[in-house]
N, C-alpha and C. Protein backbone atom coordinates (compact mmCIF):
# COMPACT_ATOMS: atom_id res chain seq x y z
N MET A 1 -7.12 -9.84 19.19
CA MET A 1 -6.66 -11.11 19.38
C MET A 1 -5.60 -11.05 20.56
N SER A 2 -5.70 -11.95 21.49
CA SER A 2 -4.77 -11.87 22.63
C SER A 2 -3.95 -13.12 22.54
N LEU A 3 -2.58 -12.95 22.73
CA LEU A 3 -1.64 -14.02 22.76
C LEU A 3 -1.19 -14.19 24.15
N ASP A 4 -0.95 -15.48 24.54
CA ASP A 4 -0.46 -15.71 25.89
C ASP A 4 0.98 -16.18 25.71
N ALA A 5 1.64 -16.53 26.85
CA ALA A 5 3.08 -16.85 26.88
C ALA A 5 3.30 -18.15 26.09
N ASN A 6 2.41 -19.10 26.03
CA ASN A 6 2.57 -20.25 25.28
C ASN A 6 2.62 -20.02 23.76
N ASP A 7 1.74 -19.05 23.30
CA ASP A 7 1.75 -18.68 21.87
C ASP A 7 3.07 -18.05 21.48
N VAL A 8 3.54 -17.18 22.39
CA VAL A 8 4.83 -16.41 22.05
C VAL A 8 5.96 -17.42 22.00
N ASN A 9 6.01 -18.37 22.96
CA ASN A 9 7.10 -19.36 22.97
C ASN A 9 7.02 -20.26 21.75
N LYS A 10 5.78 -20.60 21.32
CA LYS A 10 5.63 -21.47 20.08
C LYS A 10 6.14 -20.69 18.90
N ILE A 11 5.74 -19.44 18.77
CA ILE A 11 6.19 -18.56 17.67
C ILE A 11 7.68 -18.41 17.67
N ALA A 12 8.22 -18.19 18.81
CA ALA A 12 9.71 -18.07 18.92
C ALA A 12 10.40 -19.40 18.50
N HIS A 13 9.88 -20.54 18.94
CA HIS A 13 10.44 -21.80 18.55
C HIS A 13 10.37 -22.05 17.04
N LEU A 14 9.21 -21.71 16.44
CA LEU A 14 9.11 -21.82 14.96
C LEU A 14 10.08 -20.89 14.27
N ALA A 15 10.28 -19.75 14.80
CA ALA A 15 11.16 -18.78 14.13
C ALA A 15 12.59 -19.02 14.47
N ARG A 16 12.86 -19.96 15.32
CA ARG A 16 14.15 -20.27 15.85
C ARG A 16 14.86 -19.09 16.53
N LEU A 17 14.06 -18.47 17.47
CA LEU A 17 14.46 -17.36 18.21
C LEU A 17 14.57 -17.65 19.71
N ARG A 18 15.48 -17.15 20.35
CA ARG A 18 15.63 -17.40 21.78
C ARG A 18 15.08 -16.17 22.50
N ILE A 19 14.18 -16.26 23.34
CA ILE A 19 13.56 -15.19 24.05
C ILE A 19 13.67 -15.44 25.48
N GLU A 20 14.15 -14.45 26.20
CA GLU A 20 14.19 -14.57 27.67
C GLU A 20 12.78 -14.56 28.29
N GLU A 21 12.65 -15.36 29.31
CA GLU A 21 11.34 -15.57 29.95
C GLU A 21 10.77 -14.17 30.49
N ALA A 22 11.63 -13.26 30.89
CA ALA A 22 11.18 -11.96 31.38
C ALA A 22 10.57 -11.20 30.25
N ASP A 23 11.02 -11.39 29.02
CA ASP A 23 10.59 -10.55 27.86
C ASP A 23 9.31 -11.10 27.27
N VAL A 24 8.88 -12.33 27.58
CA VAL A 24 7.68 -12.90 27.01
C VAL A 24 6.42 -12.10 27.11
N PRO A 25 6.13 -11.57 28.35
CA PRO A 25 4.85 -10.75 28.41
C PRO A 25 4.87 -9.50 27.51
N GLY A 26 6.08 -8.94 27.39
CA GLY A 26 6.05 -7.73 26.46
C GLY A 26 5.85 -8.10 25.03
N TYR A 27 6.48 -9.22 24.60
CA TYR A 27 6.31 -9.64 23.28
C TYR A 27 4.87 -10.09 23.05
N ALA A 28 4.25 -10.66 23.94
CA ALA A 28 2.82 -11.06 23.86
C ALA A 28 1.94 -9.84 23.63
N ALA A 29 2.23 -8.83 24.40
CA ALA A 29 1.42 -7.58 24.32
C ALA A 29 1.61 -6.94 22.91
N GLN A 30 2.87 -6.83 22.44
CA GLN A 30 3.17 -6.17 21.18
C GLN A 30 2.65 -7.07 20.01
N LEU A 31 2.76 -8.31 20.08
CA LEU A 31 2.22 -9.14 19.00
C LEU A 31 0.71 -9.11 18.97
N SER A 32 0.03 -9.02 20.17
CA SER A 32 -1.42 -8.85 20.19
C SER A 32 -1.84 -7.57 19.58
N GLU A 33 -1.10 -6.43 19.87
CA GLU A 33 -1.47 -5.18 19.23
C GLU A 33 -1.31 -5.22 17.73
N ILE A 34 -0.28 -5.88 17.23
CA ILE A 34 -0.15 -6.04 15.79
C ILE A 34 -1.22 -6.80 15.15
N LEU A 35 -1.64 -7.87 15.74
CA LEU A 35 -2.78 -8.72 15.21
C LEU A 35 -4.08 -7.93 15.32
N ASP A 36 -4.25 -7.12 16.38
CA ASP A 36 -5.46 -6.34 16.44
C ASP A 36 -5.50 -5.32 15.29
N LEU A 37 -4.34 -4.73 14.98
CA LEU A 37 -4.31 -3.78 13.85
C LEU A 37 -4.64 -4.46 12.54
N VAL A 38 -4.13 -5.72 12.35
CA VAL A 38 -4.44 -6.44 11.16
C VAL A 38 -5.89 -6.77 11.08
N GLU A 39 -6.55 -7.13 12.22
CA GLU A 39 -8.00 -7.34 12.19
C GLU A 39 -8.72 -6.07 11.78
N GLN A 40 -8.32 -4.89 12.28
CA GLN A 40 -8.94 -3.60 11.87
C GLN A 40 -8.74 -3.38 10.45
N MET A 41 -7.58 -3.67 9.89
CA MET A 41 -7.44 -3.43 8.42
C MET A 41 -8.25 -4.36 7.61
N ASN A 42 -8.40 -5.59 8.00
CA ASN A 42 -9.23 -6.60 7.33
C ASN A 42 -10.77 -6.22 7.41
N ALA A 43 -11.17 -5.44 8.40
CA ALA A 43 -12.58 -5.03 8.53
C ALA A 43 -12.96 -3.90 7.51
N VAL A 44 -11.98 -3.23 6.92
CA VAL A 44 -12.27 -2.10 6.03
C VAL A 44 -12.83 -2.71 4.67
N ASP A 45 -13.86 -2.06 4.25
CA ASP A 45 -14.44 -2.42 2.88
C ASP A 45 -13.62 -1.86 1.84
N THR A 46 -12.96 -2.66 1.05
CA THR A 46 -12.17 -2.26 -0.12
C THR A 46 -12.68 -2.72 -1.48
N ARG A 47 -13.99 -3.08 -1.48
CA ARG A 47 -14.53 -3.56 -2.81
C ARG A 47 -14.43 -2.56 -3.91
N ASP A 48 -14.68 -1.28 -3.61
CA ASP A 48 -14.66 -0.17 -4.67
C ASP A 48 -13.30 0.39 -4.87
N VAL A 49 -12.27 -0.04 -4.24
CA VAL A 49 -10.98 0.55 -4.37
C VAL A 49 -10.22 -0.29 -5.43
N PRO A 50 -9.83 0.51 -6.51
CA PRO A 50 -9.10 -0.21 -7.59
C PRO A 50 -7.70 -0.61 -7.15
N PRO A 51 -7.19 -1.80 -7.56
CA PRO A 51 -5.88 -2.24 -7.17
C PRO A 51 -4.90 -1.34 -7.92
N MET A 52 -3.76 -1.07 -7.21
CA MET A 52 -2.67 -0.28 -7.79
C MET A 52 -1.45 -1.13 -7.95
N ALA A 53 -0.71 -0.81 -9.03
CA ALA A 53 0.57 -1.42 -9.19
C ALA A 53 1.61 -0.83 -8.48
N HIS A 54 1.52 0.48 -8.16
CA HIS A 54 2.48 1.26 -7.37
C HIS A 54 1.66 2.33 -6.58
N PRO A 55 2.04 2.63 -5.37
CA PRO A 55 1.38 3.61 -4.59
C PRO A 55 1.52 5.06 -5.04
N LEU A 56 2.53 5.30 -5.83
CA LEU A 56 2.73 6.63 -6.41
C LEU A 56 2.46 6.63 -7.83
N ASP A 57 2.08 7.75 -8.38
CA ASP A 57 1.84 7.84 -9.83
C ASP A 57 3.18 8.11 -10.55
N ALA A 58 4.13 7.26 -10.25
CA ALA A 58 5.54 7.49 -10.84
C ALA A 58 5.54 6.86 -12.21
N VAL A 59 6.11 7.49 -13.10
CA VAL A 59 6.31 7.00 -14.50
C VAL A 59 7.83 6.86 -14.72
N GLN A 60 8.27 5.76 -15.15
CA GLN A 60 9.70 5.55 -15.42
C GLN A 60 10.08 6.23 -16.78
N ARG A 61 11.13 7.02 -16.58
CA ARG A 61 11.61 7.68 -17.84
C ARG A 61 12.42 6.70 -18.68
N LEU A 62 12.04 6.49 -19.90
CA LEU A 62 12.70 5.55 -20.78
C LEU A 62 13.46 6.24 -21.77
N ARG A 63 14.59 5.67 -22.14
CA ARG A 63 15.34 6.29 -23.28
C ARG A 63 14.91 5.56 -24.58
N PRO A 64 15.22 6.19 -25.70
CA PRO A 64 14.92 5.53 -26.98
C PRO A 64 15.77 4.33 -27.15
N ASP A 65 15.18 3.33 -27.72
CA ASP A 65 15.82 2.04 -27.97
C ASP A 65 16.69 2.08 -29.18
N VAL A 66 17.78 2.85 -29.15
CA VAL A 66 18.76 3.00 -30.27
C VAL A 66 20.13 2.58 -29.72
N VAL A 67 20.98 2.20 -30.67
CA VAL A 67 22.36 1.86 -30.43
C VAL A 67 23.06 3.15 -30.03
N SER A 68 23.74 3.24 -28.93
CA SER A 68 24.44 4.41 -28.56
C SER A 68 25.87 4.20 -28.38
N GLU A 69 26.39 2.96 -28.44
CA GLU A 69 27.82 2.66 -28.35
C GLU A 69 28.24 1.83 -29.55
N THR A 70 29.49 1.98 -29.94
CA THR A 70 29.98 1.15 -31.05
C THR A 70 30.36 -0.23 -30.51
N ASP A 71 30.31 -1.18 -31.42
CA ASP A 71 30.63 -2.59 -31.20
C ASP A 71 32.10 -2.68 -30.94
N GLN A 72 32.50 -3.09 -29.69
CA GLN A 72 33.88 -3.28 -29.38
C GLN A 72 34.26 -4.67 -28.95
N ARG A 73 33.43 -5.63 -29.44
CA ARG A 73 33.65 -7.04 -29.02
C ARG A 73 35.01 -7.52 -29.39
N ASP A 74 35.42 -7.23 -30.64
CA ASP A 74 36.73 -7.74 -31.09
C ASP A 74 37.81 -7.18 -30.26
N HIS A 75 37.72 -5.90 -29.84
CA HIS A 75 38.76 -5.26 -29.03
C HIS A 75 38.80 -5.91 -27.64
N PHE A 76 37.68 -6.16 -27.04
CA PHE A 76 37.61 -6.80 -25.70
C PHE A 76 38.06 -8.29 -25.76
N GLN A 77 37.78 -8.91 -26.83
CA GLN A 77 38.20 -10.31 -26.92
C GLN A 77 39.69 -10.48 -27.09
N THR A 78 40.32 -9.43 -27.64
CA THR A 78 41.76 -9.53 -27.79
C THR A 78 42.51 -9.56 -26.47
N ILE A 79 41.87 -9.00 -25.47
CA ILE A 79 42.55 -8.99 -24.09
C ILE A 79 41.97 -10.09 -23.23
N ALA A 80 41.01 -10.89 -23.69
CA ALA A 80 40.45 -12.07 -22.98
C ALA A 80 41.46 -13.23 -22.94
N PRO A 81 41.48 -13.97 -21.90
CA PRO A 81 42.39 -15.16 -21.88
C PRO A 81 42.19 -16.13 -23.01
N GLN A 82 40.87 -16.50 -23.23
CA GLN A 82 40.55 -17.48 -24.19
C GLN A 82 39.15 -17.14 -24.85
N THR A 83 39.17 -17.16 -26.22
CA THR A 83 37.89 -17.03 -26.86
C THR A 83 37.83 -17.98 -28.08
N GLU A 84 36.62 -18.25 -28.58
CA GLU A 84 36.45 -19.05 -29.62
C GLU A 84 35.18 -18.74 -30.37
N ALA A 85 35.21 -18.48 -31.59
CA ALA A 85 34.00 -18.22 -32.48
C ALA A 85 33.19 -17.02 -31.82
N GLY A 86 33.91 -16.01 -31.32
CA GLY A 86 33.28 -14.88 -30.80
C GLY A 86 32.68 -15.04 -29.39
N LEU A 87 33.03 -16.15 -28.67
CA LEU A 87 32.54 -16.40 -27.41
C LEU A 87 33.77 -16.46 -26.41
N TYR A 88 33.46 -16.08 -25.21
CA TYR A 88 34.48 -16.18 -24.15
C TYR A 88 34.55 -17.56 -23.60
N LEU A 89 35.68 -18.20 -23.44
CA LEU A 89 35.86 -19.51 -22.90
C LEU A 89 36.25 -19.41 -21.41
N VAL A 90 35.46 -20.04 -20.56
CA VAL A 90 35.75 -19.97 -19.17
C VAL A 90 35.90 -21.38 -18.53
N PRO A 91 36.54 -21.56 -17.39
CA PRO A 91 36.65 -22.90 -16.86
C PRO A 91 35.27 -23.38 -16.38
N LYS A 92 35.05 -24.72 -16.47
CA LYS A 92 33.85 -25.32 -15.98
C LYS A 92 33.83 -25.31 -14.53
N VAL A 93 32.70 -24.73 -13.99
CA VAL A 93 32.63 -24.68 -12.46
C VAL A 93 31.57 -25.54 -11.90
N ILE A 94 30.73 -26.20 -12.75
CA ILE A 94 29.67 -27.11 -12.31
C ILE A 94 30.00 -28.52 -12.80
N GLU A 95 29.96 -29.43 -11.87
CA GLU A 95 30.30 -30.80 -12.28
C GLU A 95 29.13 -31.58 -12.53
């Protein structure tokens, strides 16, 4: 796919970019090459390729779901400016 100067200027306007007129032919050539690559990738038959959730066969190491720290809520609430019924009181920030 070949882009001309008008296409590049329209894309730049939509993207709110300022491009010098001397740079427009270079951008047109580069964008045309990118669109040609996309067309080549679209032409590849991928019907028999299973979708992947991740490109690597990485497995996340998970720790056991057990309590590993003691409950220190009462200690932390003693140093809080304001608490009530086990909750922290904070100033209202949304009107």
